[in-house]
Amino acid sequence: MIKKLRVREVVSDIMTIEQAMEYLQMTRKTLLKLSLEGKIQGAYKLGKQWRYSRRKLLEMIEGKTA
């Protein structure tokens, strides 16, 4: 049961580009540009799609990571 909870936590931490756009209040163009430049912590490509870590985005917003 503990492992299933951890998997759920990880899955709920993953955001699509649309969710990240809303969360960061950025346009798709800006978010993609910053992601490609490596300026968005927790951004990674899964196949052809971008995914974002909610936890890393929150840390970035709060100034905990550069």
PDB file of N, CA and C in Angstrom:
ATOM      1  N   MET A   1       0.819  -1.203   0.000  1.00  0.00           N
ATOM      2  CA  MET A   1       0.000   0.000   0.000  1.00  0.00           C
ATOM      3  C   MET A   1       0.861   1.266   0.000  1.00  0.00           C
ATOM      4  N   ILE A   2       1.997   1.235   0.679  1.00  0.00           N
ATOM      5  CA  ILE A   2       2.870   2.408   0.730  1.00  0.00           C
ATOM      6  C   ILE A   2       3.385   2.747  -0.667  1.00  0.00           C
ATOM      7  N   LYS A   3       3.786   1.744  -1.442  1.00  0.00           N
ATOM      8  CA  LYS A   3       4.295   1.997  -2.786  1.00  0.00           C
ATOM      9  C   LYS A   3       3.232   2.628  -3.677  1.00  0.00           C
ATOM     10  N   LYS A   4       1.984   2.189  -3.556  1.00  0.00           N
ATOM     11  CA  LYS A   4       0.914   2.765  -4.358  1.00  0.00           C
ATOM     12  C   LYS A   4       0.705   4.231  -4.012  1.00  0.00           C
ATOM     13  N   LEU A   5       0.829   4.585  -2.758  1.00  0.00           N
ATOM     14  CA  LEU A   5       0.690   5.988  -2.361  1.00  0.00           C
ATOM     15  C   LEU A   5       1.806   6.821  -2.968  1.00  0.00           C
ATOM     16  N   ARG A   6       3.003   6.295  -2.979  1.00  0.00           N
ATOM     17  CA  ARG A   6       4.120   7.037  -3.549  1.00  0.00           C
ATOM     18  C   ARG A   6       3.941   7.248  -5.051  1.00  0.00           C
ATOM     19  N   VAL A   7       3.451   6.237  -5.744  1.00  0.00           N
ATOM     20  CA  VAL A   7       3.205   6.367  -7.181  1.00  0.00           C
ATOM     21  C   VAL A   7       2.154   7.447  -7.420  1.00  0.00           C
ATOM     22  N   ARG A   8       1.101   7.458  -6.625  1.00  0.00           N
ATOM     23  CA  ARG A   8       0.071   8.485  -6.768  1.00  0.00           C
ATOM     24  C   ARG A   8       0.640   9.871  -6.520  1.00  0.00           C
ATOM     25  N   GLU A   9       1.515  10.000  -5.533  1.00  0.00           N
ATOM     26  CA  GLU A   9       2.133  11.295  -5.258  1.00  0.00           C
ATOM     27  C   GLU A   9       2.958  11.763  -6.445  1.00  0.00           C
ATOM     28  N   VAL A  10       3.713  10.854  -7.032  1.00  0.00           N
ATOM     29  CA  VAL A  10       4.544  11.199  -8.185  1.00  0.00           C
ATOM     30  C   VAL A  10       3.668  11.600  -9.355  1.00  0.00           C
ATOM     31  N   VAL A  11       2.629  10.836  -9.622  1.00  0.00           N
ATOM     32  CA  VAL A  11       1.742  11.132 -10.741  1.00  0.00           C
ATOM     33  C   VAL A  11       1.064  12.485 -10.540  1.00  0.00           C
ATOM     34  N   SER A  12       0.639  12.795  -9.325  1.00  0.00           N
ATOM     35  CA  SER A  12      -0.028  14.077  -9.090  1.00  0.00           C
ATOM     36  C   SER A  12       0.944  15.240  -9.176  1.00  0.00           C
ATOM     37  N   ASP A  13       2.237  14.968  -9.090  1.00  0.00           N
ATOM     38  CA  ASP A  13       3.248  16.016  -9.200  1.00  0.00           C
ATOM     39  C   ASP A  13       3.517  16.381 -10.661  1.00  0.00           C
ATOM     40  N   ILE A  14       3.177  15.516 -11.587  1.00  0.00           N
ATOM     41  CA  ILE A  14       3.479  15.729 -12.999  1.00  0.00           C
ATOM     42  C   ILE A  14       2.374  16.559 -13.650  1.00  0.00           C
ATOM     43  N   MET A  15       2.794  17.599 -14.371  1.00  0.00           N
ATOM     44  CA  MET A  15       1.848  18.495 -15.038  1.00  0.00           C
ATOM     45  C   MET A  15       2.093  18.480 -16.539  1.00  0.00           C
ATOM     46  N   THR A  16       1.035  18.663 -17.302  1.00  0.00           N
ATOM     47  CA  THR A  16       1.158  18.844 -18.745  1.00  0.00           C
ATOM     48  C   THR A  16       1.551  20.299 -19.012  1.00  0.00           C
ATOM     49  N   ILE A  17       1.854  20.601 -20.250  1.00  0.00           N
ATOM     50  CA  ILE A  17       2.216  21.977 -20.582  1.00  0.00           C
ATOM     51  C   ILE A  17       1.034  22.920 -20.348  1.00  0.00           C
ATOM     52  N   GLU A  18      -0.174  22.451 -20.623  1.00  0.00           N
ATOM     53  CA  GLU A  18      -1.349  23.298 -20.391  1.00  0.00           C
ATOM     54  C   GLU A  18      -1.521  23.620 -18.909  1.00  0.00           C
ATOM     55  N   GLN A  19      -1.318  22.613 -18.058  1.00  0.00           N
ATOM     56  CA  GLN A  19      -1.428  22.832 -16.620  1.00  0.00           C
ATOM     57  C   GLN A  19      -0.325  23.768 -16.128  1.00  0.00           C
ATOM     58  N   ALA A  20       0.889  23.585 -16.636  1.00  0.00           N
ATOM     59  CA  ALA A  20       2.007  24.438 -16.240  1.00  0.00           C
ATOM     60  C   ALA A  20       1.787  25.882 -16.714  1.00  0.00           C
ATOM     61  N   MET A  21       1.211  26.046 -17.917  1.00  0.00           N
ATOM     62  CA  MET A  21       0.916  27.388 -18.425  1.00  0.00           C
ATOM     63  C   MET A  21      -0.030  28.109 -17.477  1.00  0.00           C
ATOM     64  N   GLU A  22      -1.063  27.428 -17.041  1.00  0.00           N
ATOM     65  CA  GLU A  22      -2.033  28.026 -16.133  1.00  0.00           C
ATOM     66  C   GLU A  22      -1.396  28.299 -14.773  1.00  0.00           C
ATOM     67  N   TYR A  23      -0.637  27.338 -14.273  1.00  0.00           N
ATOM     68  CA  TYR A  23       0.013  27.450 -12.966  1.00  0.00           C
ATOM     69  C   TYR A  23       0.975  28.634 -12.924  1.00  0.00           C
ATOM     70  N   LEU A  24       1.764  28.802 -13.994  1.00  0.00           N
ATOM     71  CA  LEU A  24       2.762  29.878 -14.050  1.00  0.00           C
ATOM     72  C   LEU A  24       2.229  31.155 -14.676  1.00  0.00           C
ATOM     73  N   GLN A  25       1.030  31.093 -15.222  1.00  0.00           N
ATOM     74  CA  GLN A  25       0.414  32.221 -15.913  1.00  0.00           C
ATOM     75  C   GLN A  25       1.326  32.737 -17.027  1.00  0.00           C
ATOM     76  N   MET A  26       1.732  31.804 -17.884  1.00  0.00           N
ATOM     77  CA  MET A  26       2.596  32.109 -19.028  1.00  0.00           C
ATOM     78  C   MET A  26       1.914  31.628 -20.298  1.00  0.00           C
ATOM     79  N   THR A  27       2.318  32.215 -21.395  1.00  0.00           N
ATOM     80  CA  THR A  27       1.844  31.726 -22.687  1.00  0.00           C
ATOM     81  C   THR A  27       2.615  30.457 -23.047  1.00  0.00           C
ATOM     82  N   ARG A  28       2.057  29.685 -23.960  1.00  0.00           N
ATOM     83  CA  ARG A  28       2.709  28.462 -24.426  1.00  0.00           C
ATOM     84  C   ARG A  28       4.078  28.790 -25.025  1.00  0.00           C
ATOM     85  N   LYS A  29       4.117  29.842 -25.823  1.00  0.00           N
ATOM     86  CA  LYS A  29       5.359  30.235 -26.494  1.00  0.00           C
ATOM     87  C   LYS A  29       6.463  30.546 -25.479  1.00  0.00           C
ATOM     88  N   THR A  30       6.134  31.311 -24.451  1.00  0.00           N
ATOM     89  CA  THR A  30       7.117  31.678 -23.434  1.00  0.00           C
ATOM     90  C   THR A  30       7.574  30.456 -22.649  1.00  0.00           C
ATOM     91  N   LEU A  31       6.627  29.610 -22.252  1.00  0.00           N
ATOM     92  CA  LEU A  31       6.969  28.425 -21.471  1.00  0.00           C
ATOM     93  C   LEU A  31       7.847  27.470 -22.276  1.00  0.00           C
ATOM     94  N   LEU A  32       7.535  27.279 -23.546  1.00  0.00           N
ATOM     95  CA  LEU A  32       8.363  26.418 -24.395  1.00  0.00           C
ATOM     96  C   LEU A  32       9.760  26.994 -24.574  1.00  0.00           C
ATOM     97  N   LYS A  33       9.846  28.287 -24.790  1.00  0.00           N
ATOM     98  CA  LYS A  33      11.151  28.948 -24.956  1.00  0.00           C
ATOM     99  C   LYS A  33      12.009  28.753 -23.716  1.00  0.00           C
ATOM    100  N   LEU A  34      11.452  29.029 -22.547  1.00  0.00           N
ATOM    101  CA  LEU A  34      12.198  28.889 -21.300  1.00  0.00           C
ATOM    102  C   LEU A  34      12.545  27.427 -21.015  1.00  0.00           C
ATOM    103  N   SER A  35      11.656  26.526 -21.373  1.00  0.00           N
ATOM    104  CA  SER A  35      11.920  25.096 -21.179  1.00  0.00           C
ATOM    105  C   SER A  35      13.083  24.641 -22.052  1.00  0.00           C
ATOM    106  N   LEU A  36      13.076  25.057 -23.312  1.00  0.00           N
ATOM    107  CA  LEU A  36      14.154  24.695 -24.233  1.00  0.00           C
ATOM    108  C   LEU A  36      15.495  25.280 -23.804  1.00  0.00           C
ATOM    109  N   GLU A  37      15.460  26.448 -23.177  1.00  0.00           N
ATOM    110  CA  GLU A  37      16.679  27.100 -22.695  1.00  0.00           C
ATOM    111  C   GLU A  37      17.159  26.522 -21.365  1.00  0.00           C
ATOM    112  N   GLY A  38      16.374  25.622 -20.781  1.00  0.00           N
ATOM    113  CA  GLY A  38      16.754  25.016 -19.506  1.00  0.00           C
ATOM    114  C   GLY A  38      16.520  25.916 -18.308  1.00  0.00           C
ATOM    115  N   LYS A  39      15.674  26.909 -18.458  1.00  0.00           N
ATOM    116  CA  LYS A  39      15.431  27.873 -17.385  1.00  0.00           C
ATOM    117  C   LYS A  39      14.252  27.497 -16.489  1.00  0.00           C
ATOM    118  N   ILE A  40      13.552  26.428 -16.841  1.00  0.00           N
ATOM    119  CA  ILE A  40      12.427  25.966 -16.030  1.00  0.00           C
ATOM    120  C   ILE A  40      12.856  24.681 -15.318  1.00  0.00           C
ATOM    121  N   GLN A  41      12.992  24.757 -14.008  1.00  0.00           N
ATOM    122  CA  GLN A  41      13.364  23.584 -13.221  1.00  0.00           C
ATOM    123  C   GLN A  41      12.245  22.554 -13.276  1.00  0.00           C
ATOM    124  N   GLY A  42      12.608  21.297 -13.425  1.00  0.00           N
ATOM    125  CA  GLY A  42      11.614  20.230 -13.436  1.00  0.00           C
ATOM    126  C   GLY A  42      10.918  20.041 -14.765  1.00  0.00           C
ATOM    127  N   ALA A  43      11.403  20.671 -15.822  1.00  0.00           N
ATOM    128  CA  ALA A  43      10.833  20.503 -17.162  1.00  0.00           C
ATOM    129  C   ALA A  43      11.596  19.400 -17.887  1.00  0.00           C
ATOM    130  N   TYR A  44      10.856  18.493 -18.517  1.00  0.00           N
ATOM    131  CA  TYR A  44      11.495  17.434 -19.286  1.00  0.00           C
ATOM    132  C   TYR A  44      10.547  16.975 -20.386  1.00  0.00           C
ATOM    133  N   LYS A  45      11.144  16.384 -21.406  1.00  0.00           N
ATOM    134  CA  LYS A  45      10.331  15.883 -22.516  1.00  0.00           C
ATOM    135  C   LYS A  45      10.072  14.404 -22.323  1.00  0.00           C
ATOM    136  N   LEU A  46       8.834  14.027 -22.547  1.00  0.00           N
ATOM    137  CA  LEU A  46       8.415  12.636 -22.510  1.00  0.00           C
ATOM    138  C   LEU A  46       7.916  12.335 -23.915  1.00  0.00           C
ATOM    139  N   GLY A  47       8.785  11.757 -24.721  1.00  0.00           N
ATOM    140  CA  GLY A  47       8.481  11.603 -26.144  1.00  0.00           C
ATOM    141  C   GLY A  47       8.509  12.977 -26.789  1.00  0.00           C
ATOM    142  N   LYS A  48       7.395  13.372 -27.379  1.00  0.00           N
ATOM    143  CA  LYS A  48       7.309  14.697 -28.004  1.00  0.00           C
ATOM    144  C   LYS A  48       6.639  15.726 -27.109  1.00  0.00           C
ATOM    145  N   GLN A  49       6.213  15.305 -25.923  1.00  0.00           N
ATOM    146  CA  GLN A  49       5.460  16.203 -25.050  1.00  0.00           C
ATOM    147  C   GLN A  49       6.290  16.655 -23.855  1.00  0.00           C
ATOM    148  N   TRP A  50       6.082  17.897 -23.452  1.00  0.00           N
ATOM    149  CA  TRP A  50       6.737  18.435 -22.271  1.00  0.00           C
ATOM    150  C   TRP A  50       5.937  18.068 -21.035  1.00  0.00           C
ATOM    151  N   ARG A  51       6.648  17.784 -19.961  1.00  0.00           N
ATOM    152  CA  ARG A  51       6.054  17.539 -18.658  1.00  0.00           C
ATOM    153  C   ARG A  51       6.800  18.396 -17.638  1.00  0.00           C
ATOM    154  N   TYR A  52       6.110  18.727 -16.562  1.00  0.00           N
ATOM    155  CA  TYR A  52       6.661  19.627 -15.549  1.00  0.00           C
ATOM    156  C   TYR A  52       6.380  19.083 -14.160  1.00  0.00           C
ATOM    157  N   SER A  53       7.342  19.254 -13.269  1.00  0.00           N
ATOM    158  CA  SER A  53       7.178  18.848 -11.884  1.00  0.00           C
ATOM    159  C   SER A  53       6.544  20.002 -11.110  1.00  0.00           C
ATOM    160  N   ARG A  54       5.366  19.755 -10.549  1.00  0.00           N
ATOM    161  CA  ARG A  54       4.669  20.783  -9.769  1.00  0.00           C
ATOM    162  C   ARG A  54       5.543  21.246  -8.595  1.00  0.00           C
ATOM    163  N   ARG A  55       6.186  20.302  -7.937  1.00  0.00           N
ATOM    164  CA  ARG A  55       7.037  20.624  -6.783  1.00  0.00           C
ATOM    165  C   ARG A  55       8.203  21.527  -7.191  1.00  0.00           C
ATOM    166  N   LYS A  56       8.855  21.193  -8.315  1.00  0.00           N
ATOM    167  CA  LYS A  56       9.986  22.010  -8.789  1.00  0.00           C
ATOM    168  C   LYS A  56       9.531  23.406  -9.217  1.00  0.00           C
ATOM    169  N   LEU A  57       8.357  23.492  -9.847  1.00  0.00           N
ATOM    170  CA  LEU A  57       7.835  24.800 -10.245  1.00  0.00           C
ATOM    171  C   LEU A  57       7.545  25.650  -9.006  1.00  0.00           C
ATOM    172  N   LEU A  58       6.970  25.031  -7.985  1.00  0.00           N
ATOM    173  CA  LEU A  58       6.674  25.753  -6.756  1.00  0.00           C
ATOM    174  C   LEU A  58       7.960  26.236  -6.095  1.00  0.00           C
ATOM    175  N   GLU A  59       8.988  25.383  -6.057  1.00  0.00           N
ATOM    176  CA  GLU A  59      10.277  25.787  -5.499  1.00  0.00           C
ATOM    177  C   GLU A  59      10.869  26.954  -6.286  1.00  0.00           C
ATOM    178  N   MET A  60      10.735  26.893  -7.612  1.00  0.00           N
ATOM    179  CA  MET A  60      11.261  27.956  -8.460  1.00  0.00           C
ATOM    180  C   MET A  60      10.531  29.277  -8.163  1.00  0.00           C
ATOM    181  N   ILE A  61       9.215  29.213  -8.032  1.00  0.00           N
ATOM    182  CA  ILE A  61       8.414  30.410  -7.743  1.00  0.00           C
ATOM    183  C   ILE A  61       8.792  30.999  -6.397  1.00  0.00           C
ATOM    184  N   GLU A  62       8.998  30.118  -5.416  1.00  0.00           N
ATOM    185  CA  GLU A  62       9.330  30.577  -4.064  1.00  0.00           C
ATOM    186  C   GLU A  62      10.790  30.997  -3.933  1.00  0.00           C
ATOM    187  N   GLY A  63      11.563  30.803  -5.000  1.00  0.00           N
ATOM    188  CA  GLY A  63      12.948  31.245  -4.989  1.00  0.00           C
ATOM    189  C   GLY A  63      13.901  30.287  -4.326  1.00  0.00           C
ATOM    190  N   LYS A  64      13.499  29.025  -4.170  1.00  0.00           N
ATOM    191  CA  LYS A  64      14.364  28.035  -3.529  1.00  0.00           C
ATOM    192  C   LYS A  64      15.392  27.474  -4.484  1.00  0.00           C
ATOM    193  N   THR A  65      15.131  27.562  -5.805  1.00  0.00           N
ATOM    194  CA  THR A  65      16.086  27.094  -6.816  1.00  0.00           C
ATOM    195  C   THR A  65      16.248  28.176  -7.868  1.00  0.00           C
ATOM    196  N   ALA A  66      17.380  28.134  -8.538  1.00  0.00           N
ATOM    197  CA  ALA A  66      17.637  29.142  -9.579  1.00  0.00           C
ATOM    198  C   ALA A  66      17.195  28.627 -10.923  1.00  0.00           C
TER     199      ALA A  66
END
